[in-house]
Protein backbone atom coordinates (compact mmCIF):
# COMPACT_ATOMS: atom_id res chain seq x y z
CA MET A 1 192.22 107.06 69.36
CA LEU A 2 194.39 105.09 71.15
CA LYS A 3 194.07 101.89 73.74
CA THR A 4 195.92 100.72 76.50
CA THR A 5 195.69 100.59 80.13
CA LEU A 6 198.84 103.02 79.60
CA ASN A 7 198.06 105.82 82.58
CA VAL A 8 196.13 103.00 84.11
CA MET A 9 196.67 99.95 86.24
CA CYS A 10 196.71 97.00 83.42
CA GLY A 11 195.75 94.25 85.33
CA LEU A 12 196.26 94.44 89.17
CA VAL A 13 195.13 91.17 90.37
CA LEU A 14 194.80 92.09 94.19
CA SER A 15 193.92 89.07 95.77
CA VAL A 16 195.03 90.40 99.45
CA VAL A 17 191.55 92.43 99.55
CA SER A 18 188.06 91.65 98.74
CA VAL A 19 186.36 92.88 95.00
CA GLN A 20 184.39 95.47 96.26
CA VAL A 21 187.40 97.23 97.73
CA PHE A 22 187.63 99.03 93.72
CA ALA A 23 185.47 99.69 90.75
CA LEU A 24 186.44 97.15 87.37
CA GLU A 25 188.09 93.95 87.77
CA ASN A 26 191.32 94.67 89.73
CA GLY A 27 191.02 98.00 89.62
CA ALA A 28 191.65 98.14 86.09
CA ASP A 29 190.44 99.97 83.04
CA SER A 30 191.29 99.61 79.30
CA ALA A 31 190.82 102.94 77.97
CA ALA A 32 193.74 105.19 76.83
CA LEU A 33 193.58 107.90 79.45
CA GLY A 34 195.25 110.94 78.52
CA ALA A 35 196.74 109.75 75.34
CA GLU A 36 195.13 111.98 72.91
CA GLY A 37 195.75 115.96 72.93
CA THR A 38 196.27 118.54 70.29
CA MET A 39 194.04 117.74 66.84
CA ALA A 40 192.79 114.44 68.37
CA GLY A 41 189.51 114.94 66.08
CA ALA A 42 191.63 116.08 62.73
CA MET A 43 192.21 112.91 60.86
CA PRO A 44 195.56 113.35 58.21
CA PRO A 45 194.79 112.48 54.51
CA THR A 46 195.63 109.49 52.74
CA GLY A 47 198.57 108.23 53.50
CA LEU A 48 199.95 105.45 56.38
CA TYR A 49 201.32 107.09 59.57
CA PHE A 50 203.11 105.78 63.02
CA LEU A 51 202.38 107.37 66.31
CA THR A 52 204.77 106.47 69.15
CA TYR A 53 202.73 106.62 72.85
CA PHE A 54 205.13 106.86 75.49
CA GLN A 55 203.24 107.09 78.88
CA ASP A 56 204.97 106.90 82.87
CA TYR A 57 202.30 106.28 85.19
CA SER A 58 202.84 106.12 89.44
CA ALA A 59 199.93 106.16 91.78
CA ASP A 60 200.78 105.34 95.85
CA LYS A 61 197.09 105.27 96.51
CA MET A 62 194.44 102.82 95.82
CA VAL A 63 190.74 104.62 96.85
CA ASP A 64 187.31 103.44 98.07
CA ASN A 65 183.98 104.88 96.93
CA HIS A 66 184.36 108.26 99.31
CA GLY A 67 188.58 108.61 98.10
CA ARG A 68 189.91 107.33 101.11
CA SER A 69 193.11 104.46 100.92
CA SER A 70 191.91 101.33 100.59
CA ILE A 71 194.98 99.51 100.62
CA PRO A 72 198.04 99.75 103.07
CA ASP A 73 201.45 99.89 101.38
CA PHE A 74 200.22 100.59 97.84
CA ASN A 75 202.63 101.54 95.23
CA LEU A 76 202.07 101.18 91.74
CA ASP A 77 204.56 102.01 88.58
CA VAL A 78 203.52 101.62 84.70
CA ASN A 79 205.79 102.42 82.02
CA ALA A 80 203.81 101.76 78.87
CA LEU A 81 205.97 102.39 74.88
CA VAL A 82 202.78 101.85 72.59
CA PHE A 83 203.08 101.64 68.89
CA ARG A 84 199.92 102.84 66.49
CA MET A 85 199.55 102.55 62.59
CA VAL A 86 197.11 104.29 60.70
CA TRP A 87 196.05 103.79 57.02
CA MET A 88 193.71 106.46 56.18
CA THR A 89 192.29 105.27 52.59
CA ASP A 90 191.62 107.18 49.51
CA LYS A 91 187.62 105.45 49.93
CA THR A 92 184.86 107.21 51.28
CA PHE A 93 182.02 106.39 53.07
CA LEU A 94 178.71 108.61 54.36
CA GLY A 95 180.89 111.35 52.65
CA GLY A 96 184.22 110.40 55.12
CA GLN A 97 187.18 109.28 54.57
CA LEU A 98 187.65 105.48 55.31
CA GLY A 99 190.49 104.51 58.04
CA PHE A 100 192.14 101.73 60.11
CA TYR A 101 194.26 101.54 62.70
CA GLY A 102 196.29 98.91 65.11
CA ILE A 103 197.78 99.13 67.73
CA GLN A 104 200.25 97.42 70.26
CA PRO A 105 201.62 98.44 73.69
CA MET A 106 204.83 97.07 75.30
CA ILE A 107 204.42 97.57 79.23
CA SER A 108 206.79 97.47 82.55
CA MET A 109 204.79 97.21 85.61
CA ARG A 110 205.85 97.29 89.19
CA LEU A 111 203.06 96.62 92.23
CA ASN A 112 203.35 96.68 95.69
CA ALA A 113 200.11 96.12 97.94
CA ALA A 114 199.67 95.15 101.41
CA GLY A 115 203.38 94.01 101.48
CA MET A 116 202.91 91.87 98.50
CA SER A 117 204.70 92.37 95.78
CA ASP A 118 205.19 91.37 92.21
CA ARG A 119 205.87 93.16 88.67
CA ASP A 120 205.14 92.00 84.87
CA LYS A 121 205.99 93.10 81.26
CA GLY A 122 205.74 92.25 78.01
CA LEU A 123 203.45 92.97 74.89
CA ALA A 124 199.93 93.97 75.94
CA ASP A 125 196.52 94.14 74.76
CA THR A 126 196.11 94.77 71.13
CA SER A 127 193.60 96.58 69.25
CA VAL A 128 192.04 96.90 66.58
CA ALA A 129 189.86 99.49 64.61
CA ALA A 130 188.00 101.31 61.86
CA LEU A 131 187.30 104.58 61.44
CA LEU A 132 185.76 107.65 59.20
CA ALA A 133 187.12 111.48 59.08
CA TRP A 134 184.82 114.48 57.92
CA HIS A 135 186.74 117.58 57.58
CA LYS A 136 184.31 121.06 57.54
CA GLY A 137 186.26 123.85 57.61
CA ASN A 138 187.91 124.71 61.28
CA HIS A 139 185.61 121.73 62.33
CA HIS A 140 187.06 118.11 62.09
CA PHE A 141 185.43 115.08 63.95
CA GLY A 142 185.71 111.55 63.39
CA ILE A 143 184.13 108.05 64.71
CA ALA A 144 185.42 104.78 65.47
CA LEU A 145 184.52 101.16 66.62
CA GLU A 146 187.80 99.92 68.12
CA GLY A 147 187.97 96.12 69.66
CA VAL A 148 190.36 95.35 73.10
CA LEU A 149 191.82 91.70 72.19
CA PRO A 150 193.01 89.69 74.98
CA THR A 151 196.31 89.12 73.63
CA GLY A 152 198.49 90.25 76.75
CA ASP A 153 199.75 88.24 79.26
CA TYR A 154 197.34 87.11 82.22
CA ASP A 155 197.20 84.79 85.12
CA LYS A 156 194.35 84.80 87.98
CA ASP A 157 196.72 84.00 90.68
CA HIS A 158 199.66 87.00 89.82
CA LEU A 159 199.45 89.76 91.90
CA ALA A 160 200.40 92.13 88.41
CA ASN A 161 199.07 91.29 84.81
CA ILE A 162 199.78 93.23 81.60
CA GLY A 163 196.43 91.82 79.98
CA LYS A 164 192.91 91.51 80.92
CA ASN A 165 191.66 88.49 79.93
CA TYR A 166 188.65 89.69 78.32
CA TYR A 167 187.62 91.43 75.16
CA THR A 168 186.50 95.13 75.06
CA GLY A 169 183.97 96.76 72.57
CA ARG A 170 184.64 100.99 72.54
CA PRO A 171 182.76 102.86 70.15
CA LEU A 172 184.69 106.45 69.64
CA PHE A 173 183.74 110.34 68.67
CA ALA A 174 186.64 112.98 68.23
CA TYR A 175 186.14 116.42 67.67
CA THR A 176 188.62 119.43 66.84
CA TYR A 177 187.84 123.29 65.88
CA MET A 178 191.29 124.42 65.32
CA ASN A 179 192.61 128.47 63.80
CA GLN A 180 194.63 130.37 63.80
CA TYR A 181 194.58 130.62 67.87
CA MET A 182 193.14 127.62 69.53
CA ASP A 183 193.00 124.23 69.10
CA LEU A 184 189.98 123.07 70.94
CA SER A 185 189.44 119.20 71.09
CA ALA A 186 188.50 115.94 72.80
CA LYS A 187 187.93 112.47 72.43
CA PHE A 188 184.63 110.31 73.94
CA SER A 189 184.98 106.54 73.67
CA TYR A 190 182.13 104.42 75.84
CA SER A 191 184.07 101.11 76.41
CA ILE A 192 181.72 97.22 77.29
CA ASN A 193 183.94 94.71 78.57
CA GLY A 194 183.41 91.17 77.94
CA LYS A 195 183.74 88.65 80.97
CA ASN A 196 186.94 87.40 82.04
CA ASP A 197 186.49 83.48 82.02
CA ASP A 198 189.12 82.75 84.49
CA THR A 199 187.37 84.37 87.30
CA ASN A 200 183.82 85.05 86.20
CA TYR A 201 183.98 88.70 86.74
CA ARG A 202 182.73 91.22 84.15
CA SER A 203 183.95 94.82 84.80
CA GLY A 204 181.17 97.49 84.40
CA GLN A 205 181.09 99.92 80.99
CA TYR A 206 182.62 103.27 81.38
CA ALA A 207 182.71 106.26 79.53
CA ALA A 208 186.00 108.35 79.35
CA VAL A 209 186.91 111.19 77.64
CA ASP A 210 190.49 113.31 77.02
CA TYR A 211 190.50 117.26 76.11
CA ASN A 212 192.96 119.66 74.91
CA ILE A 213 192.47 123.61 75.37
CA GLY A 214 195.42 124.48 73.01
CA TYR A 215 196.76 128.29 72.28
CA HIS A 216 198.93 128.51 69.46
CA VAL A 217 202.24 130.60 70.39
CA SER A 218 203.74 130.25 66.83
CA PRO A 219 202.28 128.00 63.70
CA ALA A 220 204.29 125.05 64.75
CA LEU A 221 204.19 125.51 69.21
CA THR A 222 200.62 124.97 70.88
CA VAL A 223 200.57 125.34 74.80
CA GLY A 224 197.32 124.60 76.56
CA LEU A 225 195.94 122.49 79.47
CA GLN A 226 194.90 118.93 78.45
CA GLY A 227 193.59 116.23 81.16
CA TYR A 228 191.00 113.26 81.06
CA ALA A 229 187.63 111.82 82.93
CA LEU A 230 186.23 108.05 83.36
CA LYS A 231 182.77 107.73 85.06
CA GLN A 232 181.87 104.10 85.24
CA ALA A 233 178.46 103.51 84.17
CA THR A 234 177.17 100.68 85.44
CA ASP A 235 178.22 98.15 87.88
CA ASP A 236 180.59 95.22 88.16
CA LYS A 237 179.45 91.80 88.16
CA ILE A 238 180.93 88.52 89.77
CA ASN A 239 179.04 85.24 89.10
CA SER A 240 176.29 87.52 87.54
CA ALA A 241 175.43 89.39 90.86
CA LYS A 242 175.88 93.02 90.82
CA ILE A 243 178.84 94.51 93.29
CA GLU A 244 176.43 97.91 94.58
CA ASP A 245 178.40 101.10 95.29
CA ASN A 246 181.82 100.71 93.52
CA LYS A 247 181.73 102.70 90.15
CA ALA A 248 185.06 104.27 89.59
CA GLN A 249 185.65 107.44 88.08
CA VAL A 250 188.94 110.05 87.75
CA ILE A 251 189.27 113.28 86.64
CA ALA A 252 193.14 114.73 85.56
CA TYR A 253 194.57 118.01 84.42
CA GLY A 254 197.68 119.20 83.37
CA PRO A 255 200.00 121.66 80.99
CA ALA A 256 200.99 120.23 77.69
CA ILE A 257 203.00 121.29 74.74
CA ALA A 258 202.92 120.43 71.36
CA TYR A 259 205.71 121.11 68.63
CA HIS A 260 204.24 120.65 64.75
CA PRO A 261 207.65 121.85 62.47
CA SER A 262 206.08 120.16 59.38
CA LYS A 263 203.35 117.59 58.32
CA GLN A 264 205.66 114.79 58.30
CA TRP A 265 206.55 114.74 62.50
CA SER A 266 205.29 116.14 65.66
CA ILE A 267 205.77 115.67 69.07
CA GLU A 268 203.86 116.36 72.38
CA GLY A 269 204.30 116.36 75.70
CA LYS A 270 202.23 116.65 79.00
CA TYR A 271 202.25 116.23 82.68
CA LEU A 272 198.88 115.25 84.34
CA ILE A 273 197.51 115.28 88.23
CA GLU A 274 194.81 112.97 88.89
CA ASP A 275 191.59 114.49 91.27
CA GLN A 276 188.34 113.59 92.06
CA VAL A 277 188.78 109.58 92.28
CA GLU A 278 186.45 107.04 92.97
CA ASN A 279 187.04 103.06 93.25
CA ARG A 280 190.59 102.96 91.87
CA THR A 281 194.14 104.29 91.46
CA LYS A 282 194.92 108.08 92.14
CA GLY A 283 197.89 109.44 90.81
CA ARG A 284 200.17 110.97 88.14
CA ASN A 285 200.84 110.80 84.42
CA ILE A 286 203.70 111.75 82.11
CA GLY A 287 203.08 111.53 78.25
CA LEU A 288 204.85 111.54 75.22
CA LYS A 289 203.31 111.46 71.94
CA PHE A 290 205.52 111.09 68.52
CA VAL A 291 204.03 111.16 65.09
CA TRP A 292 205.83 110.38 61.86
CA SER A 293 204.12 110.05 58.38
CA PHE A 294 205.30 107.75 55.83
């Protein structure tokens, strides 16, 4: 359950076009689409865990409500290195194990649009959360309440921004069914965004899911299909006025492989292609995830 605009736009300020061209402010969301895969709902036992994510997202299109290119000469490259610390306590609540996590992304972004170009890099928005985890035989699931804090660099007059400049509240639910043959996992989230006070823009609410369908080649090796989907549920607003017919959506899919040689560490990789895109960037996402147990 991770946050960042890893696979995403990280805050594009595209002043060269009207806000109606894309959904969510400047085409950007803060969900960590594609970050989770195998064992997404299987929280670890009591202890401290360090996770490192790397994502390389690139897109050569910003598309409109009909999936057509909406900004000429568009190109976006985002490299994100994300550090996540998870603390699973020995306390329980409602029968679930209590845990906490914090996430800090480091992002480098390069953007070209309509003959203009810009870049930004540094620490992006920080996330913190509390979670509860349950284990019932082959079924594993957890819930969390995540807050995204506007700690990243932001300037409304810049073309590229790695921060959003608004708060986001995000309830999450993750589930895994795992036996000796397969891993079926999904992480669901719903994002509720605050207003950007510098622009008087409020991005709409949206639902997102990461999914994994994996086959255990061996006890340590899993291969399968992974991906993500996003669907915007409410309209964006600027100066409290709704922006109609510009809600974002995307579906992504691709091959993935995970290697879990021991309880101390694991590594996972994936290559995802975006499809069925509306009112946001369309591209591809390469992701790596490394987990280490203290």
